Amino acid sequence: MTRHATGTFEITDWTEMATDKREGATITRVRLTKAFKGDLEGSSTTEILTVATDAGPAAYTGIEHVEGALGGRSGTFVLQHSAGSENGEQWMRWLIVPTSGTGELTGLRGEGRIIVEDGRHSFVLDYELG
């Protein structure tokens, strides 16, 4: 049975670890932490690689380790990020890494997306527990 989770998150730390500037693009490695509220209550640590061009932010990819409770079940899991933007349109997707769930979240699978409106971050996550 597919379950639907929604909520918000706040970025609590953003630390740029390394930057590589070259003609056409700047790639930056970032470590960030988040606090989640809603159907997912907890925190996470994320490592991302961002790409910026002369037109602005263009893409990022990353891995996020989440610890907390999803739908009232406690444990940890890992999210794989895929995101980009072009002509003012942006998309940010999550994939729950299969076999990454622990505790009461063992067997967790699914996917979701991040929504940014007026500087606030929210999420939608569709998932199944094995």
C-alpha atoms as a PDB file:
ATOM      1  CA  MET A   1       0.000   0.000   0.000  1.00  0.00           C
ATOM      2  CA  THR A   2       1.420   3.388  -1.021  1.00  0.00           C
ATOM      3  CA  ARG A   3       1.425   6.038   1.687  1.00  0.00           C
ATOM      4  CA  HIS A   4       1.645   9.789   1.183  1.00  0.00           C
ATOM      5  CA  ALA A   5       3.718  12.032   3.464  1.00  0.00           C
ATOM      6  CA  THR A   6       3.929  15.819   3.436  1.00  0.00           C
ATOM      7  CA  GLY A   7       5.684  18.394   5.550  1.00  0.00           C
ATOM      8  CA  THR A   8       8.300  21.106   5.671  1.00  0.00           C
ATOM      9  CA  PHE A   9      11.982  21.331   6.364  1.00  0.00           C
ATOM     10  CA  GLU A  10      14.439  24.000   7.362  1.00  0.00           C
ATOM     11  CA  ILE A  11      18.071  24.039   6.302  1.00  0.00           C
ATOM     12  CA  THR A  12      19.911  24.449   9.615  1.00  0.00           C
ATOM     13  CA  ASP A  13      23.464  24.538   8.236  1.00  0.00           C
ATOM     14  CA  TRP A  14      25.033  25.083   4.794  1.00  0.00           C
ATOM     15  CA  THR A  15      28.791  24.639   4.552  1.00  0.00           C
ATOM     16  CA  GLU A  16      30.604  24.852   1.230  1.00  0.00           C
ATOM     17  CA  MET A  17      33.415  22.292   1.274  1.00  0.00           C
ATOM     18  CA  ALA A  18      35.080  22.845  -2.123  1.00  0.00           C
ATOM     19  CA  THR A  19      34.542  24.879  -5.279  1.00  0.00           C
ATOM     20  CA  ASP A  20      35.794  24.261  -8.819  1.00  0.00           C
ATOM     21  CA  LYS A  21      35.359  27.282 -11.121  1.00  0.00           C
ATOM     22  CA  ARG A  22      35.904  26.708 -14.813  1.00  0.00           C
ATOM     23  CA  GLU A  23      34.709  28.259 -18.022  1.00  0.00           C
ATOM     24  CA  GLY A  24      30.945  27.735 -18.311  1.00  0.00           C
ATOM     25  CA  ALA A  25      30.240  26.298 -14.863  1.00  0.00           C
ATOM     26  CA  THR A  26      31.079  26.340 -11.176  1.00  0.00           C
ATOM     27  CA  ILE A  27      30.770  23.081  -9.253  1.00  0.00           C
ATOM     28  CA  THR A  28      30.526  23.310  -5.470  1.00  0.00           C
ATOM     29  CA  ARG A  29      30.506  20.519  -2.884  1.00  0.00           C
ATOM     30  CA  VAL A  30      28.185  21.367   0.011  1.00  0.00           C
ATOM     31  CA  ARG A  31      27.394  19.679   3.339  1.00  0.00           C
ATOM     32  CA  LEU A  32      24.069  20.701   4.847  1.00  0.00           C
ATOM     33  CA  THR A  33      21.789  19.707   7.683  1.00  0.00           C
ATOM     34  CA  LYS A  34      18.001  19.885   7.860  1.00  0.00           C
ATOM     35  CA  ALA A  35      15.195  19.686  10.412  1.00  0.00           C
ATOM     36  CA  PHE A  36      11.930  18.074   9.229  1.00  0.00           C
ATOM     37  CA  LYS A  37       8.372  18.678  10.480  1.00  0.00           C
ATOM     38  CA  GLY A  38       5.119  17.045   9.437  1.00  0.00           C
ATOM     39  CA  ASP A  39       4.622  13.399   8.488  1.00  0.00           C
ATOM     40  CA  LEU A  40       8.430  13.130   8.681  1.00  0.00           C
ATOM     41  CA  GLU A  41       9.852  14.338  12.004  1.00  0.00           C
ATOM     42  CA  GLY A  42      13.624  14.307  12.336  1.00  0.00           C
ATOM     43  CA  SER A  43      16.898  15.570  10.967  1.00  0.00           C
ATOM     44  CA  SER A  44      19.323  14.818   8.171  1.00  0.00           C
ATOM     45  CA  THR A  45      22.815  15.360   6.873  1.00  0.00           C
ATOM     46  CA  THR A  46      23.273  15.820   3.125  1.00  0.00           C
ATOM     47  CA  GLU A  47      26.230  16.044   0.754  1.00  0.00           C
ATOM     48  CA  ILE A  48      25.436  17.663  -2.594  1.00  0.00           C
ATOM     49  CA  LEU A  49      27.280  18.779  -5.695  1.00  0.00           C
ATOM     50  CA  THR A  50      25.812  21.948  -7.185  1.00  0.00           C
ATOM     51  CA  VAL A  51      26.314  23.329 -10.672  1.00  0.00           C
ATOM     52  CA  ALA A  52      25.962  27.041 -11.402  1.00  0.00           C
ATOM     53  CA  THR A  53      26.332  28.702 -14.792  1.00  0.00           C
ATOM     54  CA  ASP A  54      26.260  32.329 -15.858  1.00  0.00           C
ATOM     55  CA  ALA A  55      22.463  31.994 -15.956  1.00  0.00           C
ATOM     56  CA  GLY A  56      22.361  30.974 -12.252  1.00  0.00           C
ATOM     57  CA  PRO A  57      21.818  27.679 -10.402  1.00  0.00           C
ATOM     58  CA  ALA A  58      21.510  24.877 -12.956  1.00  0.00           C
ATOM     59  CA  ALA A  59      21.533  21.492 -11.188  1.00  0.00           C
ATOM     60  CA  TYR A  60      22.492  19.486  -8.146  1.00  0.00           C
ATOM     61  CA  THR A  61      22.789  15.883  -7.104  1.00  0.00           C
ATOM     62  CA  GLY A  62      23.310  14.445  -3.668  1.00  0.00           C
ATOM     63  CA  ILE A  63      22.878  11.854  -0.959  1.00  0.00           C
ATOM     64  CA  GLU A  64      20.932  12.547   2.256  1.00  0.00           C
ATOM     65  CA  HIS A  65      20.940  10.434   5.423  1.00  0.00           C
ATOM     66  CA  VAL A  66      17.659  10.929   7.334  1.00  0.00           C
ATOM     67  CA  GLU A  67      17.051   9.973  10.963  1.00  0.00           C
ATOM     68  CA  GLY A  68      13.624  10.255  12.538  1.00  0.00           C
ATOM     69  CA  ALA A  69      10.042   9.043  12.331  1.00  0.00           C
ATOM     70  CA  LEU A  70       8.076   8.680   9.100  1.00  0.00           C
ATOM     71  CA  GLY A  71       4.367   8.065   9.572  1.00  0.00           C
ATOM     72  CA  GLY A  72       5.047   7.312  13.240  1.00  0.00           C
ATOM     73  CA  ARG A  73       7.728   4.675  12.511  1.00  0.00           C
ATOM     74  CA  SER A  74      11.296   5.357  13.684  1.00  0.00           C
ATOM     75  CA  GLY A  75      14.544   4.607  11.894  1.00  0.00           C
ATOM     76  CA  THR A  76      16.910   5.911   9.269  1.00  0.00           C
ATOM     77  CA  PHE A  77      16.990   5.914   5.470  1.00  0.00           C
ATOM     78  CA  VAL A  78      18.874   7.490   2.585  1.00  0.00           C
ATOM     79  CA  LEU A  79      17.531   9.797  -0.131  1.00  0.00           C
ATOM     80  CA  GLN A  80      19.155  10.231  -3.538  1.00  0.00           C
ATOM     81  CA  HIS A  81      18.641  13.767  -4.908  1.00  0.00           C
ATOM     82  CA  SER A  82      18.286  14.819  -8.538  1.00  0.00           C
ATOM     83  CA  ALA A  83      17.499  18.448  -9.348  1.00  0.00           C
ATOM     84  CA  GLY A  84      17.776  21.092 -12.005  1.00  0.00           C
ATOM     85  CA  SER A  85      16.404  24.326 -13.364  1.00  0.00           C
ATOM     86  CA  GLU A  86      16.062  25.984 -16.722  1.00  0.00           C
ATOM     87  CA  ASN A  87      14.243  29.121 -17.849  1.00  0.00           C
ATOM     88  CA  GLY A  88      12.865  29.725 -14.355  1.00  0.00           C
ATOM     89  CA  GLU A  89      11.434  26.207 -14.050  1.00  0.00           C
ATOM     90  CA  GLN A  90      12.927  23.944 -11.414  1.00  0.00           C
ATOM     91  CA  TRP A  91      12.511  20.332 -10.402  1.00  0.00           C
ATOM     92  CA  MET A  92      13.857  18.582  -7.319  1.00  0.00           C
ATOM     93  CA  ARG A  93      13.291  14.859  -6.881  1.00  0.00           C
ATOM     94  CA  TRP A  94      14.076  12.285  -4.211  1.00  0.00           C
ATOM     95  CA  LEU A  95      14.429   8.551  -4.533  1.00  0.00           C
ATOM     96  CA  ILE A  96      14.545   6.469  -1.355  1.00  0.00           C
ATOM     97  CA  VAL A  97      17.613   4.265  -1.759  1.00  0.00           C
ATOM     98  CA  PRO A  98      16.296   0.675  -1.642  1.00  0.00           C
ATOM     99  CA  THR A  99      17.627  -1.396   1.293  1.00  0.00           C
ATOM    100  CA  SER A 100      18.703   1.780   3.176  1.00  0.00           C
ATOM    101  CA  GLY A 101      15.878   1.722   5.748  1.00  0.00           C
ATOM    102  CA  THR A 102      16.664   0.695   9.325  1.00  0.00           C
ATOM    103  CA  GLY A 103      14.638   0.075  12.471  1.00  0.00           C
ATOM    104  CA  GLU A 104      10.907   0.347  11.872  1.00  0.00           C
ATOM    105  CA  LEU A 105      11.670   1.747   8.406  1.00  0.00           C
ATOM    106  CA  THR A 106      13.347  -1.440   7.138  1.00  0.00           C
ATOM    107  CA  GLY A 107      12.053  -2.187   3.632  1.00  0.00           C
ATOM    108  CA  LEU A 108      11.175   1.464   2.930  1.00  0.00           C
ATOM    109  CA  ARG A 109      10.889   2.359  -0.779  1.00  0.00           C
ATOM    110  CA  GLY A 110       9.511   5.343  -2.641  1.00  0.00           C
ATOM    111  CA  GLU A 111      10.079   8.718  -4.206  1.00  0.00           C
ATOM    112  CA  GLY A 112       9.212  12.328  -3.640  1.00  0.00           C
ATOM    113  CA  ARG A 113       9.839  15.928  -4.500  1.00  0.00           C
ATOM    114  CA  ILE A 114      10.852  19.181  -2.888  1.00  0.00           C
ATOM    115  CA  ILE A 115       8.784  22.333  -3.404  1.00  0.00           C
ATOM    116  CA  VAL A 116      10.246  25.802  -2.805  1.00  0.00           C
ATOM    117  CA  GLU A 117       7.791  28.700  -2.558  1.00  0.00           C
ATOM    118  CA  ASP A 118       8.587  32.126  -1.117  1.00  0.00           C
ATOM    119  CA  GLY A 119      11.867  30.787   0.280  1.00  0.00           C
ATOM    120  CA  ARG A 120      10.146  27.988   2.234  1.00  0.00           C
ATOM    121  CA  HIS A 121      10.821  24.296   1.632  1.00  0.00           C
ATOM    122  CA  SER A 122       8.136  21.633   1.692  1.00  0.00           C
ATOM    123  CA  PHE A 123       8.071  18.044   0.497  1.00  0.00           C
ATOM    124  CA  VAL A 124       5.810  15.317  -0.805  1.00  0.00           C
ATOM    125  CA  LEU A 125       6.916  11.714  -0.342  1.00  0.00           C
ATOM    126  CA  ASP A 126       5.088   8.640  -1.661  1.00  0.00           C
ATOM    127  CA  TYR A 127       6.375   5.483  -0.016  1.00  0.00           C
ATOM    128  CA  GLU A 128       5.788   1.852   0.838  1.00  0.00           C
ATOM    129  CA  LEU A 129       7.016  -0.182   3.779  1.00  0.00           C
ATOM    130  CA  GLY A 130       7.984  -3.772   2.977  1.00  0.00           C
END
